């Protein structure tokens, strides 16, 4: 709700399928745009930093996009998915970690 207060826009209602789909679409666009701005090989999915409601990892849309981008095999097991997600998060932290503060 903090973001809704700050922007003046209403919050997403994740009880509604269309609102969940809209968030998934937005996250997919973010992944595409980030890859255009800061290409990496293998590609990083910035949306890995978004946890699925009530879970400790990404949601099914994240893994589906990873499969569509051929970053994850279609037959990936739950362990494969979790390992892929953890690696994405680690690499994102490495990419964005800050160095010493400049005075």
PDB file of N, CA and C in Angstrom:
ATOM      1  N   UNK A   1       0.806  -1.199   0.000  1.00  0.00           N
ATOM      2  CA  UNK A   1       0.000   0.000   0.000  1.00  0.00           C
ATOM      3  C   UNK A   1       0.855   1.272   0.000  1.00  0.00           C
ATOM      4  N   UNK A   2       2.093   1.189   0.450  1.00  0.00           N
ATOM      5  CA  UNK A   2       2.954   2.363   0.490  1.00  0.00           C
ATOM      6  C   UNK A   2       3.126   2.965  -0.897  1.00  0.00           C
ATOM      7  N   UNK A   3       3.363   2.131  -1.892  1.00  0.00           N
ATOM      8  CA  UNK A   3       3.541   2.620  -3.254  1.00  0.00           C
ATOM      9  C   UNK A   3       2.270   3.308  -3.741  1.00  0.00           C
ATOM     10  N   UNK A   4       1.126   2.761  -3.419  1.00  0.00           N
ATOM     11  CA  UNK A   4      -0.143   3.380  -3.806  1.00  0.00           C
ATOM     12  C   UNK A   4      -0.277   4.760  -3.168  1.00  0.00           C
ATOM     13  N   UNK A   5       0.099   4.886  -1.909  1.00  0.00           N
ATOM     14  CA  UNK A   5       0.032   6.198  -1.242  1.00  0.00           C
ATOM     15  C   UNK A   5       1.006   7.179  -1.878  1.00  0.00           C
ATOM     16  N   UNK A   6       2.186   6.708  -2.212  1.00  0.00           N
ATOM     17  CA  UNK A   6       3.207   7.598  -2.775  1.00  0.00           C
ATOM     18  C   UNK A   6       2.863   8.060  -4.186  1.00  0.00           C
ATOM     19  N   UNK A   7       2.249   7.191  -4.975  1.00  0.00           N
ATOM     20  CA  UNK A   7       1.984   7.531  -6.375  1.00  0.00           C
ATOM     21  C   UNK A   7       0.597   8.090  -6.609  1.00  0.00           C
ATOM     22  N   UNK A   8      -0.327   7.796  -5.703  1.00  0.00           N
ATOM     23  CA  UNK A   8      -1.706   8.217  -5.911  1.00  0.00           C
ATOM     24  C   UNK A   8      -2.500   7.226  -6.756  1.00  0.00           C
ATOM     25  N   UNK A   9      -1.839   6.184  -7.254  1.00  0.00           N
ATOM     26  CA  UNK A   9      -2.528   5.148  -8.017  1.00  0.00           C
ATOM     27  C   UNK A   9      -3.049   4.093  -7.052  1.00  0.00           C
ATOM     28  N   UNK A  10      -4.117   3.438  -7.444  1.00  0.00           N
ATOM     29  CA  UNK A  10      -4.651   2.388  -6.575  1.00  0.00           C
ATOM     30  C   UNK A  10      -3.716   1.187  -6.596  1.00  0.00           C
ATOM     31  N   UNK A  11      -3.756   0.400  -5.547  1.00  0.00           N
ATOM     32  CA  UNK A  11      -2.921  -0.790  -5.443  1.00  0.00           C
ATOM     33  C   UNK A  11      -3.481  -1.904  -6.329  1.00  0.00           C
ATOM     34  N   UNK A  12      -2.615  -2.823  -6.734  1.00  0.00           N
ATOM     35  CA  UNK A  12      -3.077  -4.005  -7.451  1.00  0.00           C
ATOM     36  C   UNK A  12      -3.917  -4.855  -6.509  1.00  0.00           C
ATOM     37  N   UNK A  13      -4.954  -5.469  -7.041  1.00  0.00           N
ATOM     38  CA  UNK A  13      -5.790  -6.389  -6.278  1.00  0.00           C
ATOM     39  C   UNK A  13      -5.434  -7.799  -6.745  1.00  0.00           C
ATOM     40  N   UNK A  14      -4.582  -8.479  -5.978  1.00  0.00           N
ATOM     41  CA  UNK A  14      -4.089  -9.781  -6.397  1.00  0.00           C
ATOM     42  C   UNK A  14      -5.113 -10.899  -6.219  1.00  0.00           C
ATOM     43  N   UNK A  15      -6.281 -10.561  -5.706  1.00  0.00           N
ATOM     44  CA  UNK A  15      -7.379 -11.533  -5.661  1.00  0.00           C
ATOM     45  C   UNK A  15      -7.985 -11.698  -7.058  1.00  0.00           C
ATOM     46  N   UNK A  16      -7.768 -10.719  -7.926  1.00  0.00           N
ATOM     47  CA  UNK A  16      -8.329 -10.739  -9.281  1.00  0.00           C
ATOM     48  C   UNK A  16      -7.308 -11.272 -10.285  1.00  0.00           C
ATOM     49  N   UNK A  17      -7.748 -12.229 -11.095  1.00  0.00           N
ATOM     50  CA  UNK A  17      -6.860 -12.842 -12.089  1.00  0.00           C
ATOM     51  C   UNK A  17      -6.321 -11.811 -13.080  1.00  0.00           C
ATOM     52  N   UNK A  18      -7.156 -10.855 -13.500  1.00  0.00           N
ATOM     53  CA  UNK A  18      -6.691  -9.864 -14.468  1.00  0.00           C
ATOM     54  C   UNK A  18      -5.630  -8.944 -13.881  1.00  0.00           C
ATOM     55  N   UNK A  19      -5.720  -8.678 -12.589  1.00  0.00           N
ATOM     56  CA  UNK A  19      -4.720  -7.826 -11.939  1.00  0.00           C
ATOM     57  C   UNK A  19      -3.400  -8.596 -11.761  1.00  0.00           C
ATOM     58  N   UNK A  20      -3.486  -9.894 -11.445  1.00  0.00           N
ATOM     59  CA  UNK A  20      -2.267 -10.711 -11.365  1.00  0.00           C
ATOM     60  C   UNK A  20      -1.607 -10.791 -12.739  1.00  0.00           C
ATOM     61  N   UNK A  21      -2.424 -10.944 -13.776  1.00  0.00           N
ATOM     62  CA  UNK A  21      -1.886 -11.008 -15.144  1.00  0.00           C
ATOM     63  C   UNK A  21      -1.240  -9.676 -15.519  1.00  0.00           C
ATOM     64  N   UNK A  22      -1.835  -8.567 -15.101  1.00  0.00           N
ATOM     65  CA  UNK A  22      -1.262  -7.255 -15.400  1.00  0.00           C
ATOM     66  C   UNK A  22       0.101  -7.091 -14.730  1.00  0.00           C
ATOM     67  N   UNK A  23       0.222  -7.553 -13.494  1.00  0.00           N
ATOM     68  CA  UNK A  23       1.509  -7.472 -12.798  1.00  0.00           C
ATOM     69  C   UNK A  23       2.528  -8.357 -13.504  1.00  0.00           C
ATOM     70  N   UNK A  24       2.129  -9.549 -13.908  1.00  0.00           N
ATOM     71  CA  UNK A  24       3.030 -10.437 -14.640  1.00  0.00           C
ATOM     72  C   UNK A  24       3.504  -9.808 -15.934  1.00  0.00           C
ATOM     73  N   UNK A  25       2.593  -9.166 -16.640  1.00  0.00           N
ATOM     74  CA  UNK A  25       2.954  -8.489 -17.893  1.00  0.00           C
ATOM     75  C   UNK A  25       3.957  -7.370 -17.614  1.00  0.00           C
ATOM     76  N   UNK A  26       3.694  -6.584 -16.591  1.00  0.00           N
ATOM     77  CA  UNK A  26       4.594  -5.497 -16.217  1.00  0.00           C
ATOM     78  C   UNK A  26       5.984  -6.032 -15.874  1.00  0.00           C
ATOM     79  N   UNK A  27       6.056  -7.110 -15.102  1.00  0.00           N
ATOM     80  CA  UNK A  27       7.353  -7.688 -14.748  1.00  0.00           C
ATOM     81  C   UNK A  27       8.076  -8.220 -15.982  1.00  0.00           C
ATOM     82  N   UNK A  28       7.340  -8.805 -16.916  1.00  0.00           N
ATOM     83  CA  UNK A  28       7.944  -9.268 -18.164  1.00  0.00           C
ATOM     84  C   UNK A  28       8.539  -8.121 -18.957  1.00  0.00           C
ATOM     85  N   UNK A  29       7.823  -6.994 -19.000  1.00  0.00           N
ATOM     86  CA  UNK A  29       8.348  -5.816 -19.696  1.00  0.00           C
ATOM     87  C   UNK A  29       9.609  -5.289 -19.027  1.00  0.00           C
ATOM     88  N   UNK A  30       9.642  -5.355 -17.709  1.00  0.00           N
ATOM     89  CA  UNK A  30      10.825  -4.907 -16.967  1.00  0.00           C
ATOM     90  C   UNK A  30      12.025  -5.774 -17.318  1.00  0.00           C
ATOM     91  N   UNK A  31      11.813  -7.089 -17.397  1.00  0.00           N
ATOM     92  CA  UNK A  31      12.903  -7.996 -17.767  1.00  0.00           C
ATOM     93  C   UNK A  31      13.419  -7.654 -19.166  1.00  0.00           C
ATOM     94  N   UNK A  32      12.505  -7.458 -20.107  1.00  0.00           N
ATOM     95  CA  UNK A  32      12.899  -7.119 -21.477  1.00  0.00           C
ATOM     96  C   UNK A  32      13.674  -5.806 -21.520  1.00  0.00           C
ATOM     97  N   UNK A  33      13.153  -4.797 -20.856  1.00  0.00           N
ATOM     98  CA  UNK A  33      13.783  -3.469 -20.877  1.00  0.00           C
ATOM     99  C   UNK A  33      15.155  -3.500 -20.213  1.00  0.00           C
ATOM    100  N   UNK A  34      15.266  -4.212 -19.098  1.00  0.00           N
ATOM    101  CA  UNK A  34      16.544  -4.309 -18.407  1.00  0.00           C
ATOM    102  C   UNK A  34      17.586  -4.984 -19.297  1.00  0.00           C
ATOM    103  N   UNK A  35      17.171  -5.998 -20.037  1.00  0.00           N
ATOM    104  CA  UNK A  35      18.103  -6.697 -20.930  1.00  0.00           C
ATOM    105  C   UNK A  35      18.554  -5.777 -22.070  1.00  0.00           C
ATOM    106  N   UNK A  36      17.665  -4.871 -22.507  1.00  0.00           N
ATOM    107  CA  UNK A  36      18.048  -3.900 -23.541  1.00  0.00           C
ATOM    108  C   UNK A  36      19.065  -2.899 -23.000  1.00  0.00           C
ATOM    109  N   UNK A  37      18.852  -2.457 -21.769  1.00  0.00           N
ATOM    110  CA  UNK A  37      19.707  -1.431 -21.163  1.00  0.00           C
ATOM    111  C   UNK A  37      21.035  -2.014 -20.700  1.00  0.00           C
ATOM    112  N   UNK A  38      20.978  -3.182 -20.067  1.00  0.00           N
ATOM    113  CA  UNK A  38      22.181  -3.791 -19.496  1.00  0.00           C
ATOM    114  C   UNK A  38      22.241  -5.261 -19.890  1.00  0.00           C
ATOM    115  N   UNK A  39      22.548  -5.541 -21.159  1.00  0.00           N
ATOM    116  CA  UNK A  39      22.588  -6.936 -21.602  1.00  0.00           C
ATOM    117  C   UNK A  39      23.595  -7.756 -20.808  1.00  0.00           C
ATOM    118  N   UNK A  40      23.256  -8.990 -20.569  1.00  0.00           N
ATOM    119  CA  UNK A  40      24.169  -9.897 -19.884  1.00  0.00           C
ATOM    120  C   UNK A  40      24.038 -11.271 -20.529  1.00  0.00           C
ATOM    121  N   UNK A  41      25.081 -12.058 -20.387  1.00  0.00           N
ATOM    122  CA  UNK A  41      25.076 -13.396 -20.953  1.00  0.00           C
ATOM    123  C   UNK A  41      25.595 -14.360 -19.903  1.00  0.00           C
ATOM    124  N   UNK A  42      24.765 -15.238 -19.389  1.00  0.00           N
ATOM    125  CA  UNK A  42      23.355 -15.416 -19.730  1.00  0.00           C
ATOM    126  C   UNK A  42      22.517 -14.265 -19.167  1.00  0.00           C
ATOM    127  N   UNK A  43      21.342 -14.036 -19.759  1.00  0.00           N
ATOM    128  CA  UNK A  43      20.505 -12.923 -19.333  1.00  0.00           C
ATOM    129  C   UNK A  43      20.088 -13.002 -17.868  1.00  0.00           C
ATOM    130  N   UNK A  44      19.973 -11.842 -17.276  1.00  0.00           N
ATOM    131  CA  UNK A  44      19.455 -11.719 -15.916  1.00  0.00           C
ATOM    132  C   UNK A  44      17.987 -11.319 -15.980  1.00  0.00           C
ATOM    133  N   UNK A  45      17.219 -11.821 -15.037  1.00  0.00           N
ATOM    134  CA  UNK A  45      15.805 -11.477 -14.954  1.00  0.00           C
ATOM    135  C   UNK A  45      15.598 -10.655 -13.685  1.00  0.00           C
ATOM    136  N   UNK A  46      15.494  -9.349 -13.853  1.00  0.00           N
ATOM    137  CA  UNK A  46      15.337  -8.450 -12.721  1.00  0.00           C
ATOM    138  C   UNK A  46      14.125  -8.810 -11.871  1.00  0.00           C
ATOM    139  N   UNK A  47      13.131  -9.422 -12.486  1.00  0.00           N
ATOM    140  CA  UNK A  47      11.924  -9.810 -11.753  1.00  0.00           C
ATOM    141  C   UNK A  47      12.182 -10.914 -10.734  1.00  0.00           C
ATOM    142  N   UNK A  48      13.385 -11.497 -10.720  1.00  0.00           N
ATOM    143  CA  UNK A  48      13.726 -12.499  -9.704  1.00  0.00           C
ATOM    144  C   UNK A  48      13.667 -11.902  -8.305  1.00  0.00           C
ATOM    145  N   UNK A  49      13.787 -10.578  -8.216  1.00  0.00           N
ATOM    146  CA  UNK A  49      13.763  -9.912  -6.910  1.00  0.00           C
ATOM    147  C   UNK A  49      12.359  -9.762  -6.345  1.00  0.00           C
ATOM    148  N   UNK A  50      11.352 -10.125  -7.122  1.00  0.00           N
ATOM    149  CA  UNK A  50       9.957 -10.019  -6.679  1.00  0.00           C
ATOM    150  C   UNK A  50       9.492 -11.392  -6.210  1.00  0.00           C
ATOM    151  N   UNK A  51       9.166 -11.492  -4.940  1.00  0.00           N
ATOM    152  CA  UNK A  51       8.685 -12.757  -4.400  1.00  0.00           C
ATOM    153  C   UNK A  51       7.190 -12.924  -4.629  1.00  0.00           C
ATOM    154  N   UNK A  52       6.803 -14.152  -4.905  1.00  0.00           N
ATOM    155  CA  UNK A  52       5.396 -14.509  -5.061  1.00  0.00           C
ATOM    156  C   UNK A  52       4.724 -14.385  -3.701  1.00  0.00           C
ATOM    157  N   UNK A  53       3.492 -13.902  -3.680  1.00  0.00           N
ATOM    158  CA  UNK A  53       2.775 -13.730  -2.416  1.00  0.00           C
ATOM    159  C   UNK A  53       2.729 -15.038  -1.644  1.00  0.00           C
ATOM    160  N   UNK A  54       3.157 -14.993  -0.391  1.00  0.00           N
ATOM    161  CA  UNK A  54       3.121 -16.157   0.473  1.00  0.00           C
ATOM    162  C   UNK A  54       4.194 -17.194   0.184  1.00  0.00           C
ATOM    163  N   UNK A  55       5.209 -16.837  -0.605  1.00  0.00           N
ATOM    164  CA  UNK A  55       6.269 -17.786  -0.951  1.00  0.00           C
ATOM    165  C   UNK A  55       7.633 -17.147  -0.706  1.00  0.00           C
ATOM    166  N   UNK A  56       8.660 -17.964  -0.760  1.00  0.00           N
ATOM    167  CA  UNK A  56      10.029 -17.479  -0.570  1.00  0.00           C
ATOM    168  C   UNK A  56      10.809 -17.440  -1.870  1.00  0.00           C
ATOM    169  N   UNK A  57      10.116 -17.537  -2.991  1.00  0.00           N
ATOM    170  CA  UNK A  57      10.781 -17.462  -4.286  1.00  0.00           C
ATOM    171  C   UNK A  57       9.837 -16.783  -5.275  1.00  0.00           C
ATOM    172  N   UNK A  58      10.180 -16.849  -6.532  1.00  0.00           N
ATOM    173  CA  UNK A  58       9.378 -16.207  -7.574  1.00  0.00           C
ATOM    174  C   UNK A  58       8.130 -17.038  -7.868  1.00  0.00           C
ATOM    175  N   UNK A  59       7.216 -16.434  -8.587  1.00  0.00           N
ATOM    176  CA  UNK A  59       5.970 -17.110  -8.925  1.00  0.00           C
ATOM    177  C   UNK A  59       6.049 -17.866 -10.240  1.00  0.00           C
ATOM    178  N   UNK A  60       4.965 -18.534 -10.597  1.00  0.00           N
ATOM    179  CA  UNK A  60       4.952 -19.351 -11.807  1.00  0.00           C
ATOM    180  C   UNK A  60       5.207 -18.550 -13.079  1.00  0.00           C
ATOM    181  N   UNK A  61       4.805 -17.299 -13.122  1.00  0.00           N
ATOM    182  CA  UNK A  61       5.046 -16.473 -14.301  1.00  0.00           C
ATOM    183  C   UNK A  61       6.529 -16.234 -14.543  1.00  0.00           C
ATOM    184  N   UNK A  62       7.302 -16.114 -13.479  1.00  0.00           N
ATOM    185  CA  UNK A  62       8.751 -15.937 -13.588  1.00  0.00           C
ATOM    186  C   UNK A  62       9.376 -17.144 -14.270  1.00  0.00           C
ATOM    187  N   UNK A  63       8.984 -18.322 -13.790  1.00  0.00           N
ATOM    188  CA  UNK A  63       9.554 -19.556 -14.351  1.00  0.00           C
ATOM    189  C   UNK A  63       9.081 -19.790 -15.780  1.00  0.00           C
ATOM    190  N   UNK A  64       7.847 -19.418 -16.070  1.00  0.00           N
ATOM    191  CA  UNK A  64       7.347 -19.568 -17.439  1.00  0.00           C
ATOM    192  C   UNK A  64       8.121 -18.658 -18.390  1.00  0.00           C
ATOM    193  N   UNK A  65       8.364 -17.415 -17.978  1.00  0.00           N
ATOM    194  CA  UNK A  65       9.141 -16.496 -18.815  1.00  0.00           C
ATOM    195  C   UNK A  65      10.567 -17.022 -18.998  1.00  0.00           C
ATOM    196  N   UNK A  66      11.157 -17.565 -17.939  1.00  0.00           N
ATOM    197  CA  UNK A  66      12.500 -18.137 -18.048  1.00  0.00           C
ATOM    198  C   UNK A  66      12.524 -19.270 -19.075  1.00  0.00           C
ATOM    199  N   UNK A  67      11.469 -20.067 -19.111  1.00  0.00           N
ATOM    200  CA  UNK A  67      11.374 -21.142 -20.103  1.00  0.00           C
ATOM    201  C   UNK A  67      11.224 -20.558 -21.509  1.00  0.00           C
ATOM    202  N   UNK A  68      10.388 -19.529 -21.647  1.00  0.00           N
ATOM    203  CA  UNK A  68      10.187 -18.904 -22.952  1.00  0.00           C
ATOM    204  C   UNK A  68      11.479 -18.273 -23.462  1.00  0.00           C
ATOM    205  N   UNK A  69      12.286 -17.751 -22.550  1.00  0.00           N
ATOM    206  CA  UNK A  69      13.574 -17.148 -22.918  1.00  0.00           C
ATOM    207  C   UNK A  69      14.670 -18.198 -23.062  1.00  0.00           C
ATOM    208  N   UNK A  70      14.300 -19.456 -22.862  1.00  0.00           N
ATOM    209  CA  UNK A  70      15.217 -20.602 -22.954  1.00  0.00           C
ATOM    210  C   UNK A  70      16.353 -20.532 -21.932  1.00  0.00           C
ATOM    211  N   UNK A  71      16.027 -19.978 -20.772  1.00  0.00           N
ATOM    212  CA  UNK A  71      16.988 -19.932 -19.674  1.00  0.00           C
ATOM    213  C   UNK A  71      16.783 -21.110 -18.730  1.00  0.00           C
ATOM    214  N   UNK A  72      15.634 -21.747 -18.856  1.00  0.00           N
ATOM    215  CA  UNK A  72      15.255 -22.861 -18.000  1.00  0.00           C
ATOM    216  C   UNK A  72      14.594 -23.907 -18.882  1.00  0.00           C
ATOM    217  N   UNK A  73      14.960 -25.181 -18.730  1.00  0.00           N
ATOM    218  CA  UNK A  73      14.338 -26.208 -19.572  1.00  0.00           C
ATOM    219  C   UNK A  73      12.845 -26.345 -19.292  1.00  0.00           C
ATOM    220  N   UNK A  74      12.085 -26.692 -20.313  1.00  0.00           N
ATOM    221  CA  UNK A  74      10.639 -26.883 -20.156  1.00  0.00           C
ATOM    222  C   UNK A  74      10.333 -27.943 -19.108  1.00  0.00           C
ATOM    223  N   UNK A  75      11.223 -28.911 -18.962  1.00  0.00           N
ATOM    224  CA  UNK A  75      10.997 -30.017 -18.029  1.00  0.00           C
ATOM    225  C   UNK A  75      11.629 -29.770 -16.656  1.00  0.00           C
ATOM    226  N   UNK A  76      11.945 -28.521 -16.341  1.00  0.00           N
ATOM    227  CA  UNK A  76      12.639 -28.202 -15.088  1.00  0.00           C
ATOM    228  C   UNK A  76      11.846 -28.693 -13.877  1.00  0.00           C
ATOM    229  N   UNK A  77      12.565 -29.322 -12.962  1.00  0.00           N
ATOM    230  CA  UNK A  77      11.959 -29.781 -11.710  1.00  0.00           C
ATOM    231  C   UNK A  77      11.829 -28.608 -10.745  1.00  0.00           C
ATOM    232  N   UNK A  78      11.167 -28.834  -9.642  1.00  0.00           N
ATOM    233  CA  UNK A  78      11.048 -27.800  -8.612  1.00  0.00           C
ATOM    234  C   UNK A  78      12.434 -27.390  -8.107  1.00  0.00           C
ATOM    235  N   UNK A  79      13.323 -28.367  -7.942  1.00  0.00           N
ATOM    236  CA  UNK A  79      14.691 -28.053  -7.508  1.00  0.00           C
ATOM    237  C   UNK A  79      15.444 -27.245  -8.555  1.00  0.00           C
ATOM    238  N   UNK A  80      15.254 -27.589  -9.836  1.00  0.00           N
ATOM    239  CA  UNK A  80      15.890 -26.829 -10.924  1.00  0.00           C
ATOM    240  C   UNK A  80      15.415 -25.378 -10.900  1.00  0.00           C
ATOM    241  N   UNK A  81      14.116 -25.203 -10.732  1.00  0.00           N
ATOM    242  CA  UNK A  81      13.538 -23.854 -10.720  1.00  0.00           C
ATOM    243  C   UNK A  81      14.090 -23.046  -9.553  1.00  0.00           C
ATOM    244  N   UNK A  82      14.103 -23.651  -8.370  1.00  0.00           N
ATOM    245  CA  UNK A  82      14.588 -22.931  -7.197  1.00  0.00           C
ATOM    246  C   UNK A  82      16.057 -22.569  -7.357  1.00  0.00           C
ATOM    247  N   UNK A  83      16.867 -23.493  -7.869  1.00  0.00           N
ATOM    248  CA  UNK A  83      18.279 -23.209  -8.096  1.00  0.00           C
ATOM    249  C   UNK A  83      18.487 -22.096  -9.108  1.00  0.00           C
ATOM    250  N   UNK A  84      17.691 -22.108 -10.178  1.00  0.00           N
ATOM    251  CA  UNK A  84      17.771 -21.052 -11.190  1.00  0.00           C
ATOM    252  C   UNK A  84      17.434 -19.708 -10.565  1.00  0.00           C
ATOM    253  N   UNK A  85      16.335 -19.668  -9.805  1.00  0.00           N
ATOM    254  CA  UNK A  85      15.917 -18.419  -9.163  1.00  0.00           C
ATOM    255  C   UNK A  85      17.001 -17.917  -8.207  1.00  0.00           C
ATOM    256  N   UNK A  86      17.540 -18.798  -7.371  1.00  0.00           N
ATOM    257  CA  UNK A  86      18.571 -18.394  -6.410  1.00  0.00           C
ATOM    258  C   UNK A  86      19.800 -17.840  -7.132  1.00  0.00           C
ATOM    259  N   UNK A  87      20.179 -18.455  -8.242  1.00  0.00           N
ATOM    260  CA  UNK A  87      21.324 -17.985  -9.021  1.00  0.00           C
ATOM    261  C   UNK A  87      21.038 -16.613  -9.627  1.00  0.00           C
ATOM    262  N   UNK A  88      19.826 -16.409 -10.107  1.00  0.00           N
ATOM    263  CA  UNK A  88      19.454 -15.102 -10.663  1.00  0.00           C
ATOM    264  C   UNK A  88      19.549 -14.018  -9.579  1.00  0.00           C
ATOM    265  N   UNK A  89      19.020 -14.305  -8.404  1.00  0.00           N
ATOM    266  CA  UNK A  89      19.069 -13.329  -7.304  1.00  0.00           C
ATOM    267  C   UNK A  89      20.514 -13.028  -6.932  1.00  0.00           C
ATOM    268  N   UNK A  90      21.331 -14.058  -6.831  1.00  0.00           N
ATOM    269  CA  UNK A  90      22.745 -13.863  -6.495  1.00  0.00           C
ATOM    270  C   UNK A  90      23.440 -12.986  -7.529  1.00  0.00           C
ATOM    271  N   UNK A  91      23.233 -13.301  -8.800  1.00  0.00           N
ATOM    272  CA  UNK A  91      23.880 -12.516  -9.853  1.00  0.00           C
ATOM    273  C   UNK A  91      23.376 -11.069  -9.879  1.00  0.00           C
ATOM    274  N   UNK A  92      22.103 -10.863  -9.598  1.00  0.00           N
ATOM    275  CA  UNK A  92      21.568  -9.499  -9.542  1.00  0.00           C
ATOM    276  C   UNK A  92      22.208  -8.713  -8.401  1.00  0.00           C
ATOM    277  N   UNK A  93      22.353  -9.349  -7.249  1.00  0.00           N
ATOM    278  CA  UNK A  93      23.007  -8.675  -6.127  1.00  0.00           C
ATOM    279  C   UNK A  93      24.453  -8.344  -6.478  1.00  0.00           C
ATOM    280  N   UNK A  94      25.138  -9.261  -7.130  1.00  0.00           N
ATOM    281  CA  UNK A  94      26.531  -9.001  -7.539  1.00  0.00           C
ATOM    282  C   UNK A  94      26.593  -7.841  -8.529  1.00  0.00           C
ATOM    283  N   UNK A  95      25.660  -7.797  -9.461  1.00  0.00           N
ATOM    284  CA  UNK A  95      25.658  -6.739 -10.464  1.00  0.00           C
ATOM    285  C   UNK A  95      25.394  -5.372  -9.840  1.00  0.00           C
ATOM    286  N   UNK A  96      24.554  -5.342  -8.850  1.00  0.00           N
ATOM    287  CA  UNK A  96      24.120  -4.054  -8.287  1.00  0.00           C
ATOM    288  C   UNK A  96      24.721  -3.713  -6.926  1.00  0.00           C
ATOM    289  N   UNK A  97      25.623  -4.560  -6.438  1.00  0.00           N
ATOM    290  CA  UNK A  97      26.181  -4.243  -5.119  1.00  0.00           C
ATOM    291  C   UNK A  97      26.964  -2.945  -5.206  1.00  0.00           C
ATOM    292  N   UNK A  98      26.861  -2.184  -4.163  1.00  0.00           N
ATOM    293  CA  UNK A  98      27.546  -0.885  -4.179  1.00  0.00           C
ATOM    294  C   UNK A  98      28.935  -1.022  -3.584  1.00  0.00           C
ATOM    295  N   UNK A  99      29.808  -0.211  -4.088  1.00  0.00           N
ATOM    296  CA  UNK A  99      31.173  -0.159  -3.553  1.00  0.00           C
ATOM    297  C   UNK A  99      31.210   0.770  -2.347  1.00  0.00           C
ATOM    298  N   UNK A 100      32.391   1.109  -1.921  1.00  0.00           N
ATOM    299  CA  UNK A 100      32.532   2.011  -0.780  1.00  0.00           C
ATOM    300  C   UNK A 100      31.898   3.367  -1.085  1.00  0.00           C
ATOM    301  N   UNK A 101      31.336   3.952  -0.075  1.00  0.00           N
ATOM    302  CA  UNK A 101      30.704   5.263  -0.231  1.00  0.00           C
ATOM    303  C   UNK A 101      31.766   6.303  -0.602  1.00  0.00           C
ATOM    304  N   UNK A 102      31.401   7.193  -1.499  1.00  0.00           N
ATOM    305  CA  UNK A 102      32.308   8.260  -1.911  1.00  0.00           C
ATOM    306  C   UNK A 102      31.955   9.503  -1.112  1.00  0.00           C
ATOM    307  N   UNK A 103      32.949  10.065  -0.450  1.00  0.00           N
ATOM    308  CA  UNK A 103      32.694  11.248   0.385  1.00  0.00           C
ATOM    309  C   UNK A 103      32.802  12.509  -0.413  1.00  0.00           C
TER     310      UNK A 103
END
